[in-house]
Amino acid sequence: MFGSPRAPGITAIVILVAAIALLVAGGEDDDGGDEGGGRGGAPVVVEVTRVVDGDTVEVSLGGETEDVRYIGVDTPESVAPGQPVECFGKTASRFNARLVDGERVRLVFGDERRDRYGRLLAYVYAGPLFVNAELVRQGYARTLTIEPNTDRAELFARLEQAAGDAGRGLWGSC
């Protein structure tokens, strides 16, 4: 098969998939957080004490409870006051809980550390798993690009396109 005319195309696909897997895994060389993650400060390891919904958790940080909103992703609403539960909202929330509830996670901050609601903004890693990216890759979240926290926007866009093309998650249900 490697001698066939189709082999270069297959090889290119295998290389592309491997490169995306490395990016999604949040390797030390490309997550941007081990050097401080921009002006947001050094990464921190915290325990997730509660999953609020698909893109927000509560963590214990320095003896205080902090809300953390995942950078670059947006899951359907499941708990917003005055808002109806959106298609796939509860499912996204449950998936997020399976990934991080009760776990120690690493928060890598962007250039802007807090949003207008006072929540910490972070890229979240559970071990080697880049949680923000996994939500998009599996179709539980759409991309949400807000300046200045745009380091991973291109990665998220590629993952969203692939999830949509494959009909994964909300793309096949809503």
N, C-alpha and C. Protein backbone atom coordinates (compact mmCIF):
# COMPACT_ATOMS: atom_id res chain seq x y z
N MET A 1 0.81 -1.19 0.00
CA MET A 1 0.00 0.00 0.00
C MET A 1 0.85 1.25 0.00
N PHE A 2 2.01 1.21 0.65
CA PHE A 2 2.84 2.41 0.72
C PHE A 2 3.38 2.81 -0.64
N GLY A 3 3.41 1.86 -1.58
CA GLY A 3 3.90 2.20 -2.91
C GLY A 3 2.80 2.70 -3.82
N SER A 4 1.54 2.68 -3.35
CA SER A 4 0.44 3.10 -4.20
C SER A 4 0.38 4.62 -4.30
N PRO A 5 -0.32 5.14 -5.33
CA PRO A 5 -0.44 6.59 -5.47
C PRO A 5 -1.21 7.23 -4.31
N ARG A 6 -2.01 6.47 -3.56
CA ARG A 6 -2.79 7.03 -2.47
C ARG A 6 -1.98 7.18 -1.19
N ALA A 7 -0.85 6.54 -1.08
CA ALA A 7 -0.08 6.55 0.16
C ALA A 7 0.31 7.95 0.63
N PRO A 8 0.76 8.87 -0.25
CA PRO A 8 1.11 10.20 0.26
C PRO A 8 -0.06 10.90 0.93
N GLY A 9 -1.27 10.75 0.39
CA GLY A 9 -2.43 11.37 1.00
C GLY A 9 -2.72 10.79 2.38
N ILE A 10 -2.62 9.49 2.49
CA ILE A 10 -2.85 8.83 3.78
C ILE A 10 -1.77 9.25 4.76
N THR A 11 -0.53 9.31 4.31
CA THR A 11 0.56 9.72 5.19
C THR A 11 0.34 11.13 5.70
N ALA A 12 -0.09 12.02 4.82
CA ALA A 12 -0.36 13.41 5.23
C ALA A 12 -1.47 13.47 6.27
N ILE A 13 -2.50 12.65 6.10
CA ILE A 13 -3.59 12.63 7.07
C ILE A 13 -3.10 12.12 8.41
N VAL A 14 -2.30 11.06 8.40
CA VAL A 14 -1.76 10.51 9.65
C VAL A 14 -0.90 11.55 10.36
N ILE A 15 -0.08 12.26 9.63
CA ILE A 15 0.77 13.31 10.22
C ILE A 15 -0.09 14.43 10.80
N LEU A 16 -1.12 14.84 10.06
CA LEU A 16 -2.02 15.90 10.54
C LEU A 16 -2.73 15.48 11.82
N VAL A 17 -3.26 14.25 11.84
CA VAL A 17 -3.95 13.76 13.04
C VAL A 17 -2.99 13.71 14.22
N ALA A 18 -1.76 13.25 14.00
CA ALA A 18 -0.77 13.20 15.09
C ALA A 18 -0.45 14.60 15.60
N ALA A 19 -0.32 15.57 14.69
CA ALA A 19 -0.02 16.94 15.11
C ALA A 19 -1.17 17.52 15.94
N ILE A 20 -2.41 17.28 15.51
CA ILE A 20 -3.56 17.78 16.27
C ILE A 20 -3.61 17.10 17.63
N ALA A 21 -3.33 15.81 17.68
CA ALA A 21 -3.35 15.10 18.96
C ALA A 21 -2.33 15.70 19.93
N LEU A 22 -1.16 16.06 19.42
CA LEU A 22 -0.17 16.70 20.29
C LEU A 22 -0.64 18.04 20.79
N LEU A 23 -1.28 18.82 19.93
CA LEU A 23 -1.80 20.12 20.35
C LEU A 23 -2.90 19.96 21.38
N VAL A 24 -3.82 19.03 21.14
CA VAL A 24 -4.93 18.81 22.06
C VAL A 24 -4.44 18.31 23.40
N ALA A 25 -3.39 17.50 23.39
CA ALA A 25 -2.87 16.95 24.64
C ALA A 25 -2.22 18.02 25.51
N GLY A 26 -1.97 19.19 24.94
CA GLY A 26 -1.42 20.28 25.74
C GLY A 26 0.02 20.04 26.12
N GLY A 27 0.81 19.56 25.17
CA GLY A 27 2.22 19.29 25.44
C GLY A 27 2.93 20.49 26.02
N GLU A 28 3.95 20.23 26.82
CA GLU A 28 4.65 21.28 27.53
C GLU A 28 5.24 22.33 26.58
N ASP A 29 5.54 21.93 25.35
CA ASP A 29 6.16 22.88 24.44
C ASP A 29 5.18 23.83 23.78
N ASP A 30 3.86 23.50 23.78
CA ASP A 30 2.97 24.34 23.01
C ASP A 30 1.78 24.87 23.79
N ASP A 31 1.68 24.61 25.09
CA ASP A 31 0.49 25.09 25.77
C ASP A 31 0.63 26.53 26.22
N GLY A 32 1.83 27.07 26.16
CA GLY A 32 2.04 28.48 26.45
C GLY A 32 1.90 28.82 27.91
N GLY A 33 1.52 27.86 28.74
CA GLY A 33 1.25 28.17 30.13
C GLY A 33 2.43 27.98 31.05
N ASP A 34 3.38 27.18 30.69
CA ASP A 34 4.47 26.90 31.60
C ASP A 34 5.41 28.08 31.75
N GLU A 35 5.30 29.04 30.90
CA GLU A 35 6.10 30.25 31.02
C GLU A 35 5.28 31.38 31.61
N GLY A 36 4.10 31.08 32.12
CA GLY A 36 3.29 32.09 32.77
C GLY A 36 2.00 32.42 32.05
N GLY A 37 1.83 31.97 30.81
CA GLY A 37 0.56 32.18 30.11
C GLY A 37 0.24 33.63 29.82
N GLY A 38 1.23 34.44 29.52
CA GLY A 38 0.96 35.83 29.21
C GLY A 38 0.91 36.66 30.48
N ARG A 39 0.19 37.79 30.41
CA ARG A 39 0.11 38.70 31.56
C ARG A 39 -0.77 38.16 32.67
N GLY A 40 -1.49 37.05 32.43
CA GLY A 40 -2.41 36.50 33.42
C GLY A 40 -1.74 35.88 34.62
N GLY A 41 -0.44 35.65 34.56
CA GLY A 41 0.27 35.10 35.69
C GLY A 41 0.62 33.64 35.49
N ALA A 42 1.35 33.11 36.45
CA ALA A 42 1.83 31.73 36.39
C ALA A 42 0.67 30.75 36.54
N PRO A 43 0.77 29.59 35.89
CA PRO A 43 -0.27 28.57 36.03
C PRO A 43 -0.37 28.12 37.49
N VAL A 44 -1.54 27.64 37.86
CA VAL A 44 -1.75 27.11 39.21
C VAL A 44 -2.47 25.77 39.12
N VAL A 45 -2.23 24.94 40.12
CA VAL A 45 -2.93 23.67 40.23
C VAL A 45 -3.95 23.82 41.35
N VAL A 46 -5.20 23.46 41.05
CA VAL A 46 -6.30 23.65 41.98
C VAL A 46 -7.20 22.41 41.95
N GLU A 47 -8.06 22.31 42.94
CA GLU A 47 -9.05 21.23 42.95
C GLU A 47 -10.40 21.78 42.50
N VAL A 48 -11.04 21.06 41.59
CA VAL A 48 -12.38 21.43 41.16
C VAL A 48 -13.35 20.97 42.24
N THR A 49 -14.07 21.91 42.83
CA THR A 49 -15.02 21.59 43.90
C THR A 49 -16.45 21.44 43.40
N ARG A 50 -16.75 22.03 42.24
CA ARG A 50 -18.10 21.93 41.67
C ARG A 50 -18.06 22.26 40.19
N VAL A 51 -18.80 21.50 39.42
CA VAL A 51 -18.98 21.82 38.00
C VAL A 51 -20.27 22.61 37.90
N VAL A 52 -20.16 23.84 37.42
CA VAL A 52 -21.32 24.72 37.28
C VAL A 52 -22.11 24.34 36.04
N ASP A 53 -21.40 24.21 34.92
CA ASP A 53 -22.02 23.82 33.65
C ASP A 53 -20.93 23.32 32.73
N GLY A 54 -21.16 23.35 31.43
CA GLY A 54 -20.21 22.78 30.49
C GLY A 54 -18.92 23.55 30.33
N ASP A 55 -18.90 24.84 30.69
CA ASP A 55 -17.69 25.64 30.49
C ASP A 55 -17.29 26.45 31.72
N THR A 56 -17.84 26.13 32.87
CA THR A 56 -17.54 26.87 34.10
C THR A 56 -17.47 25.89 35.27
N VAL A 57 -16.45 26.08 36.11
CA VAL A 57 -16.31 25.27 37.32
C VAL A 57 -15.99 26.17 38.50
N GLU A 58 -16.18 25.64 39.69
CA GLU A 58 -15.69 26.29 40.91
C GLU A 58 -14.46 25.52 41.36
N VAL A 59 -13.47 26.27 41.83
CA VAL A 59 -12.25 25.65 42.32
C VAL A 59 -11.89 26.24 43.68
N SER A 60 -11.07 25.52 44.40
CA SER A 60 -10.51 26.02 45.65
C SER A 60 -9.14 26.58 45.34
N LEU A 61 -8.96 27.88 45.59
CA LEU A 61 -7.70 28.55 45.29
C LEU A 61 -7.32 29.44 46.46
N GLY A 62 -6.25 29.09 47.14
CA GLY A 62 -5.79 29.90 48.26
C GLY A 62 -6.81 30.00 49.38
N GLY A 63 -7.56 28.92 49.61
CA GLY A 63 -8.55 28.92 50.66
C GLY A 63 -9.87 29.59 50.28
N GLU A 64 -9.96 30.08 49.08
CA GLU A 64 -11.18 30.75 48.58
C GLU A 64 -11.80 29.92 47.46
N THR A 65 -13.10 30.10 47.26
CA THR A 65 -13.78 29.48 46.13
C THR A 65 -13.78 30.49 44.99
N GLU A 66 -13.34 30.05 43.83
CA GLU A 66 -13.29 30.91 42.64
C GLU A 66 -14.05 30.23 41.51
N ASP A 67 -14.81 31.02 40.76
CA ASP A 67 -15.41 30.53 39.52
C ASP A 67 -14.37 30.65 38.42
N VAL A 68 -14.28 29.60 37.59
CA VAL A 68 -13.35 29.60 36.46
C VAL A 68 -14.16 29.36 35.19
N ARG A 69 -14.05 30.28 34.26
CA ARG A 69 -14.70 30.19 32.95
C ARG A 69 -13.63 29.79 31.95
N TYR A 70 -13.90 28.71 31.19
CA TYR A 70 -12.94 28.22 30.22
C TYR A 70 -12.77 29.22 29.09
N ILE A 71 -11.52 29.50 28.74
CA ILE A 71 -11.22 30.42 27.64
C ILE A 71 -11.49 29.73 26.30
N GLY A 72 -12.09 30.49 25.39
CA GLY A 72 -12.17 30.08 23.99
C GLY A 72 -13.29 29.14 23.61
N VAL A 73 -14.12 28.72 24.59
CA VAL A 73 -15.18 27.78 24.29
C VAL A 73 -16.49 28.25 24.91
N ASP A 74 -17.59 27.79 24.34
CA ASP A 74 -18.91 28.12 24.85
C ASP A 74 -19.80 26.90 24.68
N THR A 75 -20.33 26.40 25.80
CA THR A 75 -21.26 25.28 25.74
C THR A 75 -22.68 25.80 25.82
N PRO A 76 -23.64 25.03 25.36
CA PRO A 76 -25.03 25.46 25.45
C PRO A 76 -25.42 25.70 26.92
N GLU A 77 -26.31 26.66 27.14
CA GLU A 77 -26.72 27.02 28.50
C GLU A 77 -27.50 25.90 29.16
N SER A 78 -27.18 25.69 30.45
CA SER A 78 -27.92 24.69 31.21
C SER A 78 -28.38 25.23 32.56
N VAL A 79 -27.80 26.36 33.01
CA VAL A 79 -28.15 26.88 34.34
C VAL A 79 -28.29 28.40 34.38
N ALA A 80 -28.29 29.07 33.24
CA ALA A 80 -28.35 30.54 33.24
C ALA A 80 -29.71 31.02 33.74
N PRO A 81 -29.71 31.90 34.76
CA PRO A 81 -30.98 32.41 35.29
C PRO A 81 -31.79 33.10 34.20
N GLY A 82 -33.06 32.75 34.13
CA GLY A 82 -33.95 33.38 33.16
C GLY A 82 -33.79 32.87 31.74
N GLN A 83 -32.91 31.89 31.54
CA GLN A 83 -32.67 31.33 30.21
C GLN A 83 -33.18 29.89 30.17
N PRO A 84 -33.75 29.48 29.06
CA PRO A 84 -34.14 28.07 28.95
C PRO A 84 -32.90 27.19 28.80
N VAL A 85 -33.01 25.94 29.20
CA VAL A 85 -31.93 24.99 28.97
C VAL A 85 -31.84 24.78 27.47
N GLU A 86 -30.64 24.99 26.92
CA GLU A 86 -30.44 24.85 25.48
C GLU A 86 -30.14 23.40 25.11
N CYS A 87 -30.41 23.10 23.85
CA CYS A 87 -30.13 21.77 23.31
C CYS A 87 -28.68 21.39 23.60
N PHE A 88 -28.48 20.26 24.23
CA PHE A 88 -27.17 19.67 24.55
C PHE A 88 -26.52 20.33 25.77
N GLY A 89 -27.19 21.28 26.43
CA GLY A 89 -26.62 21.95 27.60
C GLY A 89 -26.35 21.01 28.75
N LYS A 90 -27.33 20.22 29.14
CA LYS A 90 -27.15 19.28 30.26
C LYS A 90 -26.12 18.21 29.90
N THR A 91 -26.12 17.76 28.66
CA THR A 91 -25.17 16.75 28.22
C THR A 91 -23.75 17.29 28.29
N ALA A 92 -23.55 18.53 27.85
CA ALA A 92 -22.22 19.15 27.92
C ALA A 92 -21.77 19.31 29.36
N SER A 93 -22.69 19.69 30.23
CA SER A 93 -22.36 19.84 31.64
C SER A 93 -21.93 18.51 32.25
N ARG A 94 -22.66 17.43 31.93
CA ARG A 94 -22.29 16.09 32.44
C ARG A 94 -20.94 15.65 31.91
N PHE A 95 -20.66 15.95 30.63
CA PHE A 95 -19.36 15.57 30.06
C PHE A 95 -18.23 16.31 30.77
N ASN A 96 -18.42 17.60 31.00
CA ASN A 96 -17.41 18.39 31.71
C ASN A 96 -17.19 17.80 33.11
N ALA A 97 -18.28 17.41 33.77
CA ALA A 97 -18.16 16.82 35.12
C ALA A 97 -17.34 15.53 35.07
N ARG A 98 -17.56 14.71 34.05
CA ARG A 98 -16.77 13.47 33.94
C ARG A 98 -15.28 13.77 33.79
N LEU A 99 -14.96 14.89 33.13
CA LEU A 99 -13.55 15.23 32.91
C LEU A 99 -12.87 15.82 34.14
N VAL A 100 -13.60 16.67 34.91
CA VAL A 100 -12.90 17.46 35.93
C VAL A 100 -13.46 17.43 37.34
N ASP A 101 -14.69 16.96 37.55
CA ASP A 101 -15.29 17.06 38.88
C ASP A 101 -14.46 16.33 39.93
N GLY A 102 -14.07 17.06 40.97
CA GLY A 102 -13.27 16.50 42.05
C GLY A 102 -11.80 16.31 41.72
N GLU A 103 -11.40 16.70 40.53
CA GLU A 103 -10.02 16.50 40.07
C GLU A 103 -9.15 17.71 40.38
N ARG A 104 -7.85 17.46 40.46
CA ARG A 104 -6.88 18.54 40.50
C ARG A 104 -6.57 18.89 39.05
N VAL A 105 -6.70 20.16 38.72
CA VAL A 105 -6.48 20.61 37.36
C VAL A 105 -5.46 21.76 37.36
N ARG A 106 -4.84 21.95 36.22
CA ARG A 106 -3.90 23.06 36.05
C ARG A 106 -4.60 24.16 35.27
N LEU A 107 -4.60 25.36 35.81
CA LEU A 107 -5.17 26.52 35.15
C LEU A 107 -4.05 27.33 34.52
N VAL A 108 -4.17 27.57 33.24
CA VAL A 108 -3.22 28.41 32.51
C VAL A 108 -4.00 29.65 32.09
N PHE A 109 -3.56 30.79 32.57
CA PHE A 109 -4.29 32.03 32.35
C PHE A 109 -3.88 32.72 31.05
N GLY A 110 -4.82 33.42 30.47
CA GLY A 110 -4.55 34.21 29.28
C GLY A 110 -4.10 35.61 29.67
N ASP A 111 -4.05 36.48 28.68
CA ASP A 111 -3.63 37.86 28.92
C ASP A 111 -4.61 38.59 29.83
N GLU A 112 -5.90 38.30 29.68
CA GLU A 112 -6.91 38.88 30.57
C GLU A 112 -7.30 37.79 31.56
N ARG A 113 -7.09 38.06 32.84
CA ARG A 113 -7.27 37.02 33.86
C ARG A 113 -8.71 36.87 34.34
N ARG A 114 -9.51 37.92 34.28
CA ARG A 114 -10.90 37.86 34.76
C ARG A 114 -11.85 38.46 33.73
N ASP A 115 -13.09 37.94 33.73
CA ASP A 115 -14.11 38.51 32.86
C ASP A 115 -14.91 39.56 33.62
N ARG A 116 -15.89 40.15 32.97
CA ARG A 116 -16.67 41.23 33.58
C ARG A 116 -17.50 40.76 34.76
N TYR A 117 -17.66 39.45 34.93
CA TYR A 117 -18.40 38.90 36.08
C TYR A 117 -17.47 38.53 37.23
N GLY A 118 -16.17 38.77 37.06
CA GLY A 118 -15.21 38.46 38.10
C GLY A 118 -14.69 37.03 38.08
N ARG A 119 -15.13 36.23 37.09
CA ARG A 119 -14.65 34.85 37.00
C ARG A 119 -13.23 34.82 36.46
N LEU A 120 -12.43 33.88 36.98
CA LEU A 120 -11.12 33.63 36.40
C LEU A 120 -11.32 33.06 35.00
N LEU A 121 -10.46 33.43 34.08
CA LEU A 121 -10.48 32.91 32.72
C LEU A 121 -9.26 32.04 32.54
N ALA A 122 -9.45 30.79 32.10
CA ALA A 122 -8.29 29.89 32.03
C ALA A 122 -8.46 28.81 30.97
N TYR A 123 -7.29 28.33 30.52
CA TYR A 123 -7.20 27.09 29.79
C TYR A 123 -7.02 26.04 30.88
N VAL A 124 -7.76 24.95 30.81
CA VAL A 124 -7.80 23.98 31.89
C VAL A 124 -7.23 22.65 31.41
N TYR A 125 -6.34 22.09 32.22
CA TYR A 125 -5.71 20.81 31.93
C TYR A 125 -5.97 19.84 33.07
N ALA A 126 -6.52 18.67 32.74
CA ALA A 126 -6.69 17.58 33.71
C ALA A 126 -5.64 16.55 33.33
N GLY A 127 -4.51 16.56 34.05
CA GLY A 127 -3.37 15.75 33.62
C GLY A 127 -2.92 16.26 32.27
N PRO A 128 -2.72 15.37 31.31
CA PRO A 128 -2.30 15.81 29.98
C PRO A 128 -3.46 16.28 29.09
N LEU A 129 -4.70 16.08 29.55
CA LEU A 129 -5.86 16.41 28.73
C LEU A 129 -6.15 17.91 28.76
N PHE A 130 -6.20 18.53 27.61
CA PHE A 130 -6.55 19.94 27.45
C PHE A 130 -8.08 19.99 27.38
N VAL A 131 -8.71 20.30 28.50
CA VAL A 131 -10.16 20.19 28.65
C VAL A 131 -10.91 21.09 27.67
N ASN A 132 -10.50 22.34 27.54
CA ASN A 132 -11.18 23.27 26.62
C ASN A 132 -11.23 22.65 25.22
N ALA A 133 -10.11 22.15 24.76
CA ALA A 133 -10.03 21.57 23.42
C ALA A 133 -10.85 20.29 23.31
N GLU A 134 -10.85 19.48 24.35
CA GLU A 134 -11.61 18.23 24.32
C GLU A 134 -13.11 18.49 24.20
N LEU A 135 -13.59 19.52 24.88
CA LEU A 135 -15.01 19.88 24.76
C LEU A 135 -15.37 20.23 23.31
N VAL A 136 -14.51 20.97 22.64
CA VAL A 136 -14.76 21.34 21.25
C VAL A 136 -14.61 20.13 20.35
N ARG A 137 -13.54 19.36 20.55
CA ARG A 137 -13.26 18.20 19.71
C ARG A 137 -14.40 17.19 19.73
N GLN A 138 -15.00 16.99 20.89
CA GLN A 138 -16.07 16.00 21.02
C GLN A 138 -17.45 16.57 20.66
N GLY A 139 -17.51 17.87 20.35
CA GLY A 139 -18.77 18.48 19.94
C GLY A 139 -19.65 18.93 21.09
N TYR A 140 -19.07 19.13 22.28
CA TYR A 140 -19.84 19.63 23.41
C TYR A 140 -19.80 21.15 23.51
N ALA A 141 -18.91 21.79 22.76
CA ALA A 141 -18.75 23.24 22.82
C ALA A 141 -18.48 23.81 21.44
N ARG A 142 -18.85 25.07 21.30
CA ARG A 142 -18.48 25.86 20.12
C ARG A 142 -17.32 26.75 20.52
N THR A 143 -16.66 27.33 19.54
CA THR A 143 -15.60 28.28 19.86
C THR A 143 -16.20 29.61 20.26
N LEU A 144 -15.48 30.33 21.10
CA LEU A 144 -15.86 31.67 21.53
C LEU A 144 -14.56 32.46 21.66
N THR A 145 -14.29 33.31 20.70
CA THR A 145 -13.04 34.05 20.68
C THR A 145 -13.27 35.46 21.18
N ILE A 146 -12.62 35.79 22.30
CA ILE A 146 -12.74 37.12 22.89
C ILE A 146 -11.33 37.65 23.15
N GLU A 147 -10.99 38.76 22.52
CA GLU A 147 -9.70 39.40 22.75
C GLU A 147 -9.57 39.77 24.22
N PRO A 148 -8.40 39.72 24.78
CA PRO A 148 -7.12 39.38 24.17
C PRO A 148 -6.75 37.90 24.33
N ASN A 149 -7.65 37.08 24.87
CA ASN A 149 -7.34 35.67 25.12
C ASN A 149 -7.63 34.81 23.88
N THR A 150 -6.73 34.90 22.91
CA THR A 150 -6.96 34.24 21.63
C THR A 150 -5.85 33.28 21.22
N ASP A 151 -4.96 32.92 22.15
CA ASP A 151 -3.81 32.08 21.81
C ASP A 151 -4.20 30.79 21.09
N ARG A 152 -5.29 30.16 21.54
CA ARG A 152 -5.67 28.84 21.02
C ARG A 152 -6.83 28.90 20.04
N ALA A 153 -7.19 30.09 19.57
CA ALA A 153 -8.36 30.26 18.70
C ALA A 153 -8.26 29.44 17.42
N GLU A 154 -7.10 29.38 16.81
CA GLU A 154 -6.96 28.61 15.56
C GLU A 154 -7.14 27.13 15.82
N LEU A 155 -6.58 26.63 16.92
CA LEU A 155 -6.75 25.22 17.27
C LEU A 155 -8.23 24.92 17.49
N PHE A 156 -8.90 25.76 18.27
CA PHE A 156 -10.32 25.54 18.55
C PHE A 156 -11.14 25.58 17.26
N ALA A 157 -10.83 26.48 16.35
CA ALA A 157 -11.56 26.57 15.09
C ALA A 157 -11.40 25.29 14.27
N ARG A 158 -10.19 24.75 14.23
CA ARG A 158 -9.97 23.50 13.49
C ARG A 158 -10.75 22.35 14.13
N LEU A 159 -10.72 22.28 15.46
CA LEU A 159 -11.43 21.21 16.16
C LEU A 159 -12.94 21.33 15.97
N GLU A 160 -13.45 22.56 16.00
CA GLU A 160 -14.88 22.78 15.79
C GLU A 160 -15.29 22.36 14.38
N GLN A 161 -14.49 22.71 13.40
CA GLN A 161 -14.79 22.34 12.02
C GLN A 161 -14.85 20.82 11.88
N ALA A 162 -13.88 20.13 12.47
CA ALA A 162 -13.85 18.67 12.38
C ALA A 162 -15.05 18.04 13.10
N ALA A 163 -15.41 18.56 14.26
CA ALA A 163 -16.57 18.04 15.00
C ALA A 163 -17.85 18.27 14.21
N GLY A 164 -17.98 19.46 13.62
CA GLY A 164 -19.15 19.76 12.81
C GLY A 164 -19.24 18.87 11.59
N ASP A 165 -18.11 18.70 10.90
CA ASP A 165 -18.09 17.86 9.70
C ASP A 165 -18.47 16.42 10.03
N ALA A 166 -18.07 15.96 11.23
CA ALA A 166 -18.35 14.57 11.63
C ALA A 166 -19.72 14.44 12.30
N GLY A 167 -20.39 15.56 12.57
CA GLY A 167 -21.68 15.50 13.24
C GLY A 167 -21.59 15.05 14.68
N ARG A 168 -20.45 15.33 15.34
CA ARG A 168 -20.27 14.91 16.73
C ARG A 168 -21.01 15.84 17.68
N GLY A 169 -21.50 15.27 18.77
CA GLY A 169 -22.08 16.05 19.84
C GLY A 169 -23.25 16.91 19.39
N LEU A 170 -23.19 18.16 19.79
CA LEU A 170 -24.29 19.08 19.48
C LEU A 170 -24.49 19.24 17.98
N TRP A 171 -23.44 19.04 17.20
CA TRP A 171 -23.55 19.21 15.75
C TRP A 171 -24.45 18.16 15.12
N GLY A 172 -24.61 17.02 15.78
CA GLY A 172 -25.50 15.99 15.26
C GLY A 172 -26.83 15.94 15.97
N SER A 173 -27.00 16.79 17.01
CA SER A 173 -28.21 16.71 17.83
C SER A 173 -29.05 17.98 17.84
N CYS A 174 -28.45 19.10 17.54
CA CYS A 174 -29.18 20.36 17.70
C CYS A 174 -29.35 21.10 16.38
